[in-house]
PDB file of all heavy atoms in Angstrom:
ATOM      1  N   GLU A   1       0.844  -1.184   0.000  1.00  0.00           N
ATOM      2  CA  GLU A   1       0.000   0.000   0.000  1.00  0.00           C
ATOM      3  C   GLU A   1       0.882   1.238   0.000  1.00  0.00           C
ATOM      4  O   GLU A   1       1.880   1.294   0.697  1.00  0.00           O
ATOM      5  CB  GLU A   1      -0.900   0.009   1.237  1.00  0.00           C
ATOM      6  CG  GLU A   1      -1.894  -1.145   1.227  1.00  0.00           C
ATOM      7  CD  GLU A   1      -3.013  -0.923   2.218  1.00  0.00           C
ATOM      8  OE1 GLU A   1      -3.490   0.221   2.301  1.00  0.00           O
ATOM      9  OE2 GLU A   1      -3.403  -1.882   2.881  1.00  0.00           O
ATOM     10  N   ALA A   2       0.464   2.246  -0.799  1.00  0.00           N
ATOM     11  CA  ALA A   2       1.294   3.449  -0.895  1.00  0.00           C
ATOM     12  C   ALA A   2       0.473   4.720  -0.889  1.00  0.00           C
ATOM     13  O   ALA A   2       0.882   5.741  -1.399  1.00  0.00           O
ATOM     14  CB  ALA A   2       2.138   3.384  -2.160  1.00  0.00           C
ATOM     15  N   GLY A   3      -0.735   4.662  -0.302  1.00  0.00           N
ATOM     16  CA  GLY A   3      -1.534   5.882  -0.194  1.00  0.00           C
ATOM     17  C   GLY A   3      -2.136   6.297  -1.522  1.00  0.00           C
ATOM     18  O   GLY A   3      -2.564   5.468  -2.327  1.00  0.00           O
ATOM     19  N   ASN A   4      -2.164   7.593  -1.769  1.00  0.00           N
ATOM     20  CA  ASN A   4      -2.788   8.126  -2.979  1.00  0.00           C
ATOM     21  C   ASN A   4      -2.002   7.746  -4.235  1.00  0.00           C
ATOM     22  O   ASN A   4      -0.790   7.571  -4.197  1.00  0.00           O
ATOM     23  CB  ASN A   4      -2.890   9.653  -2.902  1.00  0.00           C
ATOM     24  CG  ASN A   4      -3.825  10.079  -1.782  1.00  0.00           C
ATOM     25  OD1 ASN A   4      -4.760   9.368  -1.459  1.00  0.00           O
ATOM     26  ND2 ASN A   4      -3.554  11.235  -1.206  1.00  0.00           N
ATOM     27  N   LYS A   5      -2.708   7.657  -5.326  1.00  0.00           N
ATOM     28  CA  LYS A   5      -2.081   7.319  -6.598  1.00  0.00           C
ATOM     29  C   LYS A   5      -1.279   8.513  -7.099  1.00  0.00           C
ATOM     30  O   LYS A   5      -1.810   9.589  -7.353  1.00  0.00           O
ATOM     31  CB  LYS A   5      -3.158   6.956  -7.626  1.00  0.00           C
ATOM     32  CG  LYS A   5      -2.588   6.395  -8.919  1.00  0.00           C
ATOM     33  CD  LYS A   5      -3.701   5.936  -9.823  1.00  0.00           C
ATOM     34  CE  LYS A   5      -3.146   5.318 -11.100  1.00  0.00           C
ATOM     35  NZ  LYS A   5      -4.224   4.856 -11.999  1.00  0.00           N
ATOM     36  N   SER A   6       0.036   8.320  -7.216  1.00  0.00           N
ATOM     37  CA  SER A   6       0.912   9.390  -7.674  1.00  0.00           C
ATOM     38  C   SER A   6       2.235   8.776  -8.093  1.00  0.00           C
ATOM     39  O   SER A   6       2.553   7.654  -7.709  1.00  0.00           O
ATOM     40  CB  SER A   6       1.139  10.422  -6.561  1.00  0.00           C
ATOM     41  OG  SER A   6       1.851   9.827  -5.499  1.00  0.00           O
ATOM     42  N   PRO A   7       3.050   9.493  -8.899  1.00  0.00           N
ATOM     43  CA  PRO A   7       4.361   8.960  -9.289  1.00  0.00           C
ATOM     44  C   PRO A   7       5.246   8.651  -8.090  1.00  0.00           C
ATOM     45  O   PRO A   7       6.009   7.688  -8.094  1.00  0.00           O
ATOM     46  CB  PRO A   7       4.950  10.089 -10.144  1.00  0.00           C
ATOM     47  CG  PRO A   7       3.770  10.835 -10.654  1.00  0.00           C
ATOM     48  CD  PRO A   7       2.744  10.766  -9.566  1.00  0.00           C
ATOM     49  N   SER A   8       5.174   9.464  -7.030  1.00  0.00           N
ATOM     50  CA  SER A   8       6.018   9.235  -5.860  1.00  0.00           C
ATOM     51  C   SER A   8       5.627   7.973  -5.118  1.00  0.00           C
ATOM     52  O   SER A   8       6.437   7.380  -4.394  1.00  0.00           O
ATOM     53  CB  SER A   8       5.948  10.440  -4.920  1.00  0.00           C
ATOM     54  OG  SER A   8       4.624  10.611  -4.443  1.00  0.00           O
ATOM     55  N   ALA A   9       4.365   7.542  -5.265  1.00  0.00           N
ATOM     56  CA  ALA A   9       3.916   6.332  -4.584  1.00  0.00           C
ATOM     57  C   ALA A   9       4.668   5.108  -5.094  1.00  0.00           C
ATOM     58  O   ALA A   9       5.055   4.229  -4.329  1.00  0.00           O
ATOM     59  CB  ALA A   9       2.413   6.145  -4.769  1.00  0.00           C
ATOM     60  N   VAL A  10       4.871   5.046  -6.412  1.00  0.00           N
ATOM     61  CA  VAL A  10       5.607   3.921  -6.996  1.00  0.00           C
ATOM     62  C   VAL A  10       7.044   3.920  -6.480  1.00  0.00           C
ATOM     63  O   VAL A  10       7.601   2.879  -6.132  1.00  0.00           O
ATOM     64  CB  VAL A  10       5.587   4.004  -8.535  1.00  0.00           C
ATOM     65  CG1 VAL A  10       6.377   2.850  -9.134  1.00  0.00           C
ATOM     66  CG2 VAL A  10       4.147   3.993  -9.038  1.00  0.00           C
ATOM     67  N   THR A  11       7.657   5.106  -6.424  1.00  0.00           N
ATOM     68  CA  THR A  11       9.028   5.224  -5.913  1.00  0.00           C
ATOM     69  C   THR A  11       9.105   4.761  -4.477  1.00  0.00           C
ATOM     70  O   THR A  11      10.058   4.096  -4.067  1.00  0.00           O
ATOM     71  CB  THR A  11       9.503   6.686  -6.007  1.00  0.00           C
ATOM     72  OG1 THR A  11       9.363   7.125  -7.354  1.00  0.00           O
ATOM     73  CG2 THR A  11      10.943   6.815  -5.562  1.00  0.00           C
ATOM     74  N   LYS A  12       8.085   5.092  -3.690  1.00  0.00           N
ATOM     75  CA  LYS A  12       8.054   4.699  -2.284  1.00  0.00           C
ATOM     76  C   LYS A  12       8.015   3.190  -2.141  1.00  0.00           C
ATOM     77  O   LYS A  12       8.729   2.605  -1.323  1.00  0.00           O
ATOM     78  CB  LYS A  12       6.830   5.335  -1.620  1.00  0.00           C
ATOM     79  CG  LYS A  12       6.614   4.893  -0.174  1.00  0.00           C
ATOM     80  CD  LYS A  12       5.351   5.528   0.355  1.00  0.00           C
ATOM     81  CE  LYS A  12       5.019   4.991   1.735  1.00  0.00           C
ATOM     82  NZ  LYS A  12       3.767   5.544   2.255  1.00  0.00           N
ATOM     83  N   VAL A  13       7.178   2.529  -2.952  1.00  0.00           N
ATOM     84  CA  VAL A  13       7.068   1.073  -2.889  1.00  0.00           C
ATOM     85  C   VAL A  13       8.367   0.418  -3.316  1.00  0.00           C
ATOM     86  O   VAL A  13       8.870  -0.501  -2.660  1.00  0.00           O
ATOM     87  CB  VAL A  13       5.904   0.581  -3.781  1.00  0.00           C
ATOM     88  CG1 VAL A  13       5.917  -0.939  -3.865  1.00  0.00           C
ATOM     89  CG2 VAL A  13       4.579   1.053  -3.203  1.00  0.00           C
ATOM     90  N   LEU A  14       8.929   0.874  -4.429  1.00  0.00           N
ATOM     91  CA  LEU A  14      10.184   0.294  -4.898  1.00  0.00           C
ATOM     92  C   LEU A  14      11.312   0.501  -3.890  1.00  0.00           C
ATOM     93  O   LEU A  14      12.150  -0.372  -3.688  1.00  0.00           O
ATOM     94  CB  LEU A  14      10.569   0.924  -6.250  1.00  0.00           C
ATOM     95  CG  LEU A  14       9.662   0.541  -7.427  1.00  0.00           C
ATOM     96  CD1 LEU A  14      10.082   1.313  -8.674  1.00  0.00           C
ATOM     97  CD2 LEU A  14       9.708  -0.959  -7.698  1.00  0.00           C
ATOM     98  N   GLY A  15      11.313   1.673  -3.234  1.00  0.00           N
ATOM     99  CA  GLY A  15      12.333   1.929  -2.226  1.00  0.00           C
ATOM    100  C   GLY A  15      12.203   0.993  -1.046  1.00  0.00           C
ATOM    101  O   GLY A  15      13.198   0.524  -0.492  1.00  0.00           O
ATOM    102  N   ALA A  16      10.958   0.685  -0.645  1.00  0.00           N
ATOM    103  CA  ALA A  16      10.741  -0.218   0.482  1.00  0.00           C
ATOM    104  C   ALA A  16      11.176  -1.638   0.148  1.00  0.00           C
ATOM    105  O   ALA A  16      11.647  -2.379   1.009  1.00  0.00           O
ATOM    106  CB  ALA A  16       9.266  -0.214   0.870  1.00  0.00           C
ATOM    107  N   ILE A  17      11.036  -2.027  -1.143  1.00  0.00           N
ATOM    108  CA  ILE A  17      11.382  -3.394  -1.544  1.00  0.00           C
ATOM    109  C   ILE A  17      12.872  -3.528  -1.823  1.00  0.00           C
ATOM    110  O   ILE A  17      13.527  -4.456  -1.349  1.00  0.00           O
ATOM    111  CB  ILE A  17      10.582  -3.794  -2.803  1.00  0.00           C
ATOM    112  CG1 ILE A  17       9.089  -3.781  -2.481  1.00  0.00           C
ATOM    113  CG2 ILE A  17      11.003  -5.172  -3.295  1.00  0.00           C
ATOM    114  CD1 ILE A  17       8.214  -3.938  -3.697  1.00  0.00           C
ATOM    115  N   LEU A  18      13.422  -2.579  -2.587  1.00  0.00           N
ATOM    116  CA  LEU A  18      14.802  -2.719  -3.046  1.00  0.00           C
ATOM    117  C   LEU A  18      15.824  -2.333  -1.979  1.00  0.00           C
ATOM    118  O   LEU A  18      16.919  -2.885  -1.950  1.00  0.00           O
ATOM    119  CB  LEU A  18      15.001  -1.845  -4.302  1.00  0.00           C
ATOM    120  CG  LEU A  18      14.122  -2.219  -5.499  1.00  0.00           C
ATOM    121  CD1 LEU A  18      14.364  -1.248  -6.641  1.00  0.00           C
ATOM    122  CD2 LEU A  18      14.383  -3.646  -5.946  1.00  0.00           C
ATOM    123  N   ASN A  19      15.475  -1.399  -1.119  1.00  0.00           N
ATOM    124  CA  ASN A  19      16.455  -0.966  -0.123  1.00  0.00           C
ATOM    125  C   ASN A  19      15.781  -0.733   1.232  1.00  0.00           C
ATOM    126  O   ASN A  19      15.827   0.364   1.781  1.00  0.00           O
ATOM    127  CB  ASN A  19      17.133   0.326  -0.584  1.00  0.00           C
ATOM    128  CG  ASN A  19      18.464   0.542   0.116  1.00  0.00           C
ATOM    129  OD1 ASN A  19      18.928  -0.322   0.846  1.00  0.00           O
ATOM    130  ND2 ASN A  19      19.050   1.699  -0.090  1.00  0.00           N
ATOM    131  N   PRO A  20      15.127  -1.753   1.817  1.00  0.00           N
ATOM    132  CA  PRO A  20      14.359  -1.557   3.047  1.00  0.00           C
ATOM    133  C   PRO A  20      15.227  -1.246   4.246  1.00  0.00           C
ATOM    134  O   PRO A  20      14.811  -0.549   5.154  1.00  0.00           O
ATOM    135  CB  PRO A  20      13.638  -2.899   3.218  1.00  0.00           C
ATOM    136  CG  PRO A  20      14.505  -3.887   2.503  1.00  0.00           C
ATOM    137  CD  PRO A  20      15.092  -3.150   1.344  1.00  0.00           C
ATOM    138  N   ALA A  21      16.448  -1.778   4.288  1.00  0.00           N
ATOM    139  CA  ALA A  21      17.295  -1.573   5.463  1.00  0.00           C
ATOM    140  C   ALA A  21      17.624  -0.101   5.650  1.00  0.00           C
ATOM    141  O   ALA A  21      17.541   0.431   6.753  1.00  0.00           O
ATOM    142  CB  ALA A  21      18.579  -2.392   5.331  1.00  0.00           C
ATOM    143  N   ASP A  22      17.992   0.586   4.560  1.00  0.00           N
ATOM    144  CA  ASP A  22      18.325   2.005   4.659  1.00  0.00           C
ATOM    145  C   ASP A  22      17.113   2.825   5.074  1.00  0.00           C
ATOM    146  O   ASP A  22      17.217   3.758   5.869  1.00  0.00           O
ATOM    147  CB  ASP A  22      18.856   2.520   3.319  1.00  0.00           C
ATOM    148  CG  ASP A  22      20.286   2.047   3.067  1.00  0.00           C
ATOM    149  OD1 ASP A  22      20.929   1.608   4.038  1.00  0.00           O
ATOM    150  OD2 ASP A  22      20.727   2.104   1.913  1.00  0.00           O
ATOM    151  N   GLN A  23      15.957   2.466   4.524  1.00  0.00           N
ATOM    152  CA  GLN A  23      14.751   3.212   4.843  1.00  0.00           C
ATOM    153  C   GLN A  23      14.386   3.068   6.319  1.00  0.00           C
ATOM    154  O   GLN A  23      14.106   4.050   6.999  1.00  0.00           O
ATOM    155  CB  GLN A  23      13.594   2.713   3.978  1.00  0.00           C
ATOM    156  CG  GLN A  23      12.307   3.523   4.173  1.00  0.00           C
ATOM    157  CD  GLN A  23      11.152   2.899   3.435  1.00  0.00           C
ATOM    158  OE1 GLN A  23      10.937   1.692   3.524  1.00  0.00           O
ATOM    159  NE2 GLN A  23      10.415   3.686   2.703  1.00  0.00           N
ATOM    160  N   LEU A  24      14.432   1.847   6.828  1.00  0.00           N
ATOM    161  CA  LEU A  24      14.083   1.624   8.221  1.00  0.00           C
ATOM    162  C   LEU A  24      15.143   2.180   9.157  1.00  0.00           C
ATOM    163  O   LEU A  24      14.834   2.616  10.259  1.00  0.00           O
ATOM    164  CB  LEU A  24      13.885   0.127   8.478  1.00  0.00           C
ATOM    165  CG  LEU A  24      12.688  -0.512   7.772  1.00  0.00           C
ATOM    166  CD1 LEU A  24      12.638  -2.002   8.067  1.00  0.00           C
ATOM    167  CD2 LEU A  24      11.396   0.139   8.228  1.00  0.00           C
ATOM    168  N   ARG A  25      16.390   2.173   8.717  1.00  0.00           N
ATOM    169  CA  ARG A  25      17.451   2.727   9.557  1.00  0.00           C
ATOM    170  C   ARG A  25      17.226   4.219   9.782  1.00  0.00           C
ATOM    171  O   ARG A  25      17.491   4.749  10.862  1.00  0.00           O
ATOM    172  CB  ARG A  25      18.816   2.485   8.907  1.00  0.00           C
ATOM    173  CG  ARG A  25      19.993   2.843   9.829  1.00  0.00           C
ATOM    174  CD  ARG A  25      21.324   2.496   9.190  1.00  0.00           C
ATOM    175  NE  ARG A  25      21.463   1.061   8.982  1.00  0.00           N
ATOM    176  CZ  ARG A  25      21.356   0.448   7.807  1.00  0.00           C
ATOM    177  NH1 ARG A  25      21.110   1.160   6.719  1.00  0.00           N
ATOM    178  NH2 ARG A  25      21.480  -0.853   7.707  1.00  0.00           N
ATOM    179  N   ASN A  26      16.738   4.911   8.760  1.00  0.00           N
ATOM    180  CA  ASN A  26      16.452   6.340   8.897  1.00  0.00           C
ATOM    181  C   ASN A  26      15.323   6.577   9.903  1.00  0.00           C
ATOM    182  O   ASN A  26      15.303   7.579  10.614  1.00  0.00           O
ATOM    183  CB  ASN A  26      16.064   6.942   7.546  1.00  0.00           C
ATOM    184  CG  ASN A  26      17.242   7.034   6.603  1.00  0.00           C
ATOM    185  OD1 ASN A  26      18.382   7.112   7.042  1.00  0.00           O
ATOM    186  ND2 ASN A  26      16.973   6.999   5.313  1.00  0.00           N
ATOM    187  N   LEU A  27      14.374   5.621   9.944  1.00  0.00           N
ATOM    188  CA  LEU A  27      13.235   5.771  10.843  1.00  0.00           C
ATOM    189  C   LEU A  27      13.604   5.450  12.282  1.00  0.00           C
ATOM    190  O   LEU A  27      13.372   6.228  13.192  1.00  0.00           O
ATOM    191  CB  LEU A  27      12.097   4.845  10.390  1.00  0.00           C
ATOM    192  CG  LEU A  27      11.427   5.195   9.065  1.00  0.00           C
ATOM    193  CD1 LEU A  27      10.500   4.075   8.643  1.00  0.00           C
ATOM    194  CD2 LEU A  27      10.660   6.493   9.195  1.00  0.00           C
ATOM    195  N   PHE A  28      14.183   4.264  12.498  1.00  0.00           N
ATOM    196  CA  PHE A  28      14.433   3.816  13.856  1.00  0.00           C
ATOM    197  C   PHE A  28      15.756   4.305  14.405  1.00  0.00           C
ATOM    198  O   PHE A  28      15.975   4.269  15.615  1.00  0.00           O
ATOM    199  CB  PHE A  28      14.393   2.286  13.912  1.00  0.00           C
ATOM    200  CG  PHE A  28      13.026   1.720  13.672  1.00  0.00           C
ATOM    201  CD1 PHE A  28      12.768   0.932  12.568  1.00  0.00           C
ATOM    202  CD2 PHE A  28      11.997   1.980  14.547  1.00  0.00           C
ATOM    203  CE1 PHE A  28      11.514   0.406  12.352  1.00  0.00           C
ATOM    204  CE2 PHE A  28      10.729   1.460  14.340  1.00  0.00           C
ATOM    205  CZ  PHE A  28      10.487   0.670  13.238  1.00  0.00           C
ATOM    206  N   GLY A  29      16.659   4.733  13.537  1.00  0.00           N
ATOM    207  CA  GLY A  29      17.952   5.192  14.007  1.00  0.00           C
ATOM    208  C   GLY A  29      17.887   6.485  14.791  1.00  0.00           C
ATOM    209  O   GLY A  29      18.799   6.822  15.529  1.00  0.00           O
ATOM    210  N   ARG A  30      16.787   7.231  14.655  1.00  0.00           N
ATOM    211  CA  ARG A  30      16.669   8.504  15.354  1.00  0.00           C
ATOM    212  C   ARG A  30      16.530   8.304  16.864  1.00  0.00           C
ATOM    213  O   ARG A  30      17.055   9.070  17.649  1.00  0.00           O
ATOM    214  CB  ARG A  30      15.437   9.273  14.867  1.00  0.00           C
ATOM    215  CG  ARG A  30      15.414   9.564  13.382  1.00  0.00           C
ATOM    216  CD  ARG A  30      14.080  10.200  13.019  1.00  0.00           C
ATOM    217  NE  ARG A  30      13.786  10.105  11.607  1.00  0.00           N
ATOM    218  CZ  ARG A  30      12.561  10.213  11.113  1.00  0.00           C
ATOM    219  NH1 ARG A  30      11.550  10.417  11.926  1.00  0.00           N
ATOM    220  NH2 ARG A  30      12.358  10.112   9.811  1.00  0.00           N
ATOM    221  N   LYS A  31      15.789   7.272  17.256  1.00  0.00           N
ATOM    222  CA  LYS A  31      15.510   7.070  18.682  1.00  0.00           C
ATOM    223  C   LYS A  31      15.685   5.595  19.051  1.00  0.00           C
ATOM    224  O   LYS A  31      14.725   4.908  19.394  1.00  0.00           O
ATOM    225  CB  LYS A  31      14.096   7.531  19.013  1.00  0.00           C
ATOM    226  CG  LYS A  31      13.860   9.012  18.728  1.00  0.00           C
ATOM    227  CD  LYS A  31      12.492   9.473  19.161  1.00  0.00           C
ATOM    228  CE  LYS A  31      12.303  10.957  18.932  1.00  0.00           C
ATOM    229  NZ  LYS A  31      10.990  11.443  19.403  1.00  0.00           N
ATOM    230  N   PRO A  32      16.906   5.084  18.989  1.00  0.00           N
ATOM    231  CA  PRO A  32      17.113   3.654  19.256  1.00  0.00           C
ATOM    232  C   PRO A  32      16.772   3.256  20.678  1.00  0.00           C
ATOM    233  O   PRO A  32      16.269   2.155  20.912  1.00  0.00           O
ATOM    234  CB  PRO A  32      18.609   3.453  18.966  1.00  0.00           C
ATOM    235  CG  PRO A  32      19.217   4.816  19.128  1.00  0.00           C
ATOM    236  CD  PRO A  32      18.158   5.780  18.679  1.00  0.00           C
ATOM    237  N   ASN A  33      17.027   4.128  21.651  1.00  0.00           N
ATOM    238  CA  ASN A  33      16.725   3.784  23.043  1.00  0.00           C
ATOM    239  C   ASN A  33      15.234   3.602  23.268  1.00  0.00           C
ATOM    240  O   ASN A  33      14.802   2.704  24.002  1.00  0.00           O
ATOM    241  CB  ASN A  33      17.256   4.869  23.988  1.00  0.00           C
ATOM    242  CG  ASN A  33      18.768   4.910  24.018  1.00  0.00           C
ATOM    243  OD1 ASN A  33      19.411   3.887  23.812  1.00  0.00           O
ATOM    244  ND2 ASN A  33      19.332   6.072  24.279  1.00  0.00           N
ATOM    245  N   ASN A  34      14.430   4.462  22.632  1.00  0.00           N
ATOM    246  CA  ASN A  34      12.986   4.344  22.773  1.00  0.00           C
ATOM    247  C   ASN A  34      12.465   3.077  22.114  1.00  0.00           C
ATOM    248  O   ASN A  34      11.526   2.447  22.599  1.00  0.00           O
ATOM    249  CB  ASN A  34      12.291   5.562  22.163  1.00  0.00           C
ATOM    250  CG  ASN A  34      12.660   6.838  22.894  1.00  0.00           C
ATOM    251  OD1 ASN A  34      12.930   6.818  24.083  1.00  0.00           O
ATOM    252  ND2 ASN A  34      12.687   7.948  22.178  1.00  0.00           N
ATOM    253  N   MET A  35      13.076   2.698  20.999  1.00  0.00           N
ATOM    254  CA  MET A  35      12.638   1.488  20.331  1.00  0.00           C
ATOM    255  C   MET A  35      12.938   0.239  21.154  1.00  0.00           C
ATOM    256  O   MET A  35      12.239  -0.756  21.070  1.00  0.00           O
ATOM    257  CB  MET A  35      13.307   1.381  18.958  1.00  0.00           C
ATOM    258  CG  MET A  35      12.826   2.385  17.936  1.00  0.00           C
ATOM    259  SD  MET A  35      11.056   2.202  17.551  1.00  0.00           S
ATOM    260  CE  MET A  35      10.338   3.476  18.562  1.00  0.00           C
ATOM    261  N   ARG A  36      13.988   0.313  21.966  1.00  0.00           N
ATOM    262  CA  ARG A  36      14.323  -0.839  22.793  1.00  0.00           C
ATOM    263  C   ARG A  36      13.290  -1.065  23.897  1.00  0.00           C
ATOM    264  O   ARG A  36      13.253  -2.126  24.518  1.00  0.00           O
ATOM    265  CB  ARG A  36      15.723  -0.661  23.393  1.00  0.00           C
ATOM    266  CG  ARG A  36      16.835  -1.010  22.405  1.00  0.00           C
ATOM    267  CD  ARG A  36      18.169  -1.142  23.114  1.00  0.00           C
ATOM    268  NE  ARG A  36      18.758   0.156  23.408  1.00  0.00           N
ATOM    269  CZ  ARG A  36      19.588   0.790  22.568  1.00  0.00           C
ATOM    270  NH1 ARG A  36      19.906   0.241  21.413  1.00  0.00           N
ATOM    271  NH2 ARG A  36      20.093   1.963  22.899  1.00  0.00           N
ATOM    272  N   LYS A  37      12.459  -0.069  24.138  1.00  0.00           N
ATOM    273  CA  LYS A  37      11.393  -0.222  25.121  1.00  0.00           C
ATOM    274  C   LYS A  37      10.277  -1.148  24.620  1.00  0.00           C
ATOM    275  O   LYS A  37       9.467  -1.632  25.403  1.00  0.00           O
ATOM    276  CB  LYS A  37      10.766   1.139  25.446  1.00  0.00           C
ATOM    277  CG  LYS A  37      11.610   2.039  26.315  1.00  0.00           C
ATOM    278  CD  LYS A  37      10.822   3.284  26.642  1.00  0.00           C
ATOM    279  CE  LYS A  37      11.589   4.224  27.551  1.00  0.00           C
ATOM    280  NZ  LYS A  37      10.785   5.448  27.850  1.00  0.00           N
ATOM    281  N   LEU A  38      10.236  -1.364  23.316  1.00  0.00           N
ATOM    282  CA  LEU A  38       9.125  -2.111  22.735  1.00  0.00           C
ATOM    283  C   LEU A  38       8.927  -3.475  23.381  1.00  0.00           C
ATOM    284  O   LEU A  38       7.817  -3.877  23.710  1.00  0.00           O
ATOM    285  CB  LEU A  38       9.341  -2.284  21.224  1.00  0.00           C
ATOM    286  CG  LEU A  38       9.030  -1.064  20.362  1.00  0.00           C
ATOM    287  CD1 LEU A  38       9.473  -1.304  18.938  1.00  0.00           C
ATOM    288  CD2 LEU A  38       7.548  -0.749  20.404  1.00  0.00           C
ATOM    289  N   ARG A  39      10.018  -4.213  23.567  1.00  0.00           N
ATOM    290  CA  ARG A  39       9.900  -5.545  24.142  1.00  0.00           C
ATOM    291  C   ARG A  39       9.383  -5.508  25.572  1.00  0.00           C
ATOM    292  O   ARG A  39       8.590  -6.349  25.985  1.00  0.00           O
ATOM    293  CB  ARG A  39      11.256  -6.257  24.081  1.00  0.00           C
ATOM    294  CG  ARG A  39      11.646  -6.698  22.681  1.00  0.00           C
ATOM    295  CD  ARG A  39      12.915  -7.531  22.687  1.00  0.00           C
ATOM    296  NE  ARG A  39      13.246  -7.997  21.361  1.00  0.00           N
ATOM    297  CZ  ARG A  39      14.310  -8.749  21.083  1.00  0.00           C
ATOM    298  NH1 ARG A  39      15.132  -9.093  22.062  1.00  0.00           N
ATOM    299  NH2 ARG A  39      14.552  -9.139  19.847  1.00  0.00           N
ATOM    300  N   LYS A  40       9.843  -4.514  26.349  1.00  0.00           N
ATOM    301  CA  LYS A  40       9.384  -4.394  27.725  1.00  0.00           C
ATOM    302  C   LYS A  40       7.902  -4.039  27.769  1.00  0.00           C
ATOM    303  O   LYS A  40       7.157  -4.543  28.610  1.00  0.00           O
ATOM    304  CB  LYS A  40      10.204  -3.337  28.466  1.00  0.00           C
ATOM    305  CG  LYS A  40      11.665  -3.695  28.642  1.00  0.00           C
ATOM    306  CD  LYS A  40      12.409  -2.643  29.440  1.00  0.00           C
ATOM    307  CE  LYS A  40      11.991  -2.652  30.897  1.00  0.00           C
ATOM    308  NZ  LYS A  40      12.799  -1.707  31.705  1.00  0.00           N
ATOM    309  N   VAL A  41       7.477  -3.173  26.861  1.00  0.00           N
ATOM    310  CA  VAL A  41       6.068  -2.797  26.810  1.00  0.00           C
ATOM    311  C   VAL A  41       5.206  -3.997  26.450  1.00  0.00           C
ATOM    312  O   VAL A  41       4.170  -4.256  27.078  1.00  0.00           O
ATOM    313  CB  VAL A  41       5.851  -1.662  25.789  1.00  0.00           C
ATOM    314  CG1 VAL A  41       4.370  -1.392  25.587  1.00  0.00           C
ATOM    315  CG2 VAL A  41       6.549  -0.386  26.250  1.00  0.00           C
ATOM    316  N   LYS A  42       5.623  -4.764  25.452  1.00  0.00           N
ATOM    317  CA  LYS A  42       4.842  -5.912  24.989  1.00  0.00           C
ATOM    318  C   LYS A  42       4.792  -7.021  26.026  1.00  0.00           C
ATOM    319  O   LYS A  42       3.871  -7.834  26.031  1.00  0.00           O
ATOM    320  CB  LYS A  42       5.426  -6.458  23.683  1.00  0.00           C
ATOM    321  CG  LYS A  42       5.251  -5.525  22.494  1.00  0.00           C
ATOM    322  CD  LYS A  42       5.717  -6.169  21.211  1.00  0.00           C
ATOM    323  CE  LYS A  42       4.836  -7.337  20.845  1.00  0.00           C
ATOM    324  NZ  LYS A  42       5.201  -7.950  19.565  1.00  0.00           N
TER     325      LYS A  42
END
């Protein structure tokens, strides 16, 4: 799923498939300590 139909949506999907590690690193790398709380919360 990529939200509204647009040229950037296709780029977003391809980016998630072809290079997911870099994309997720940008997301979770900002607050690694907070992400480590996930297991304790669950």
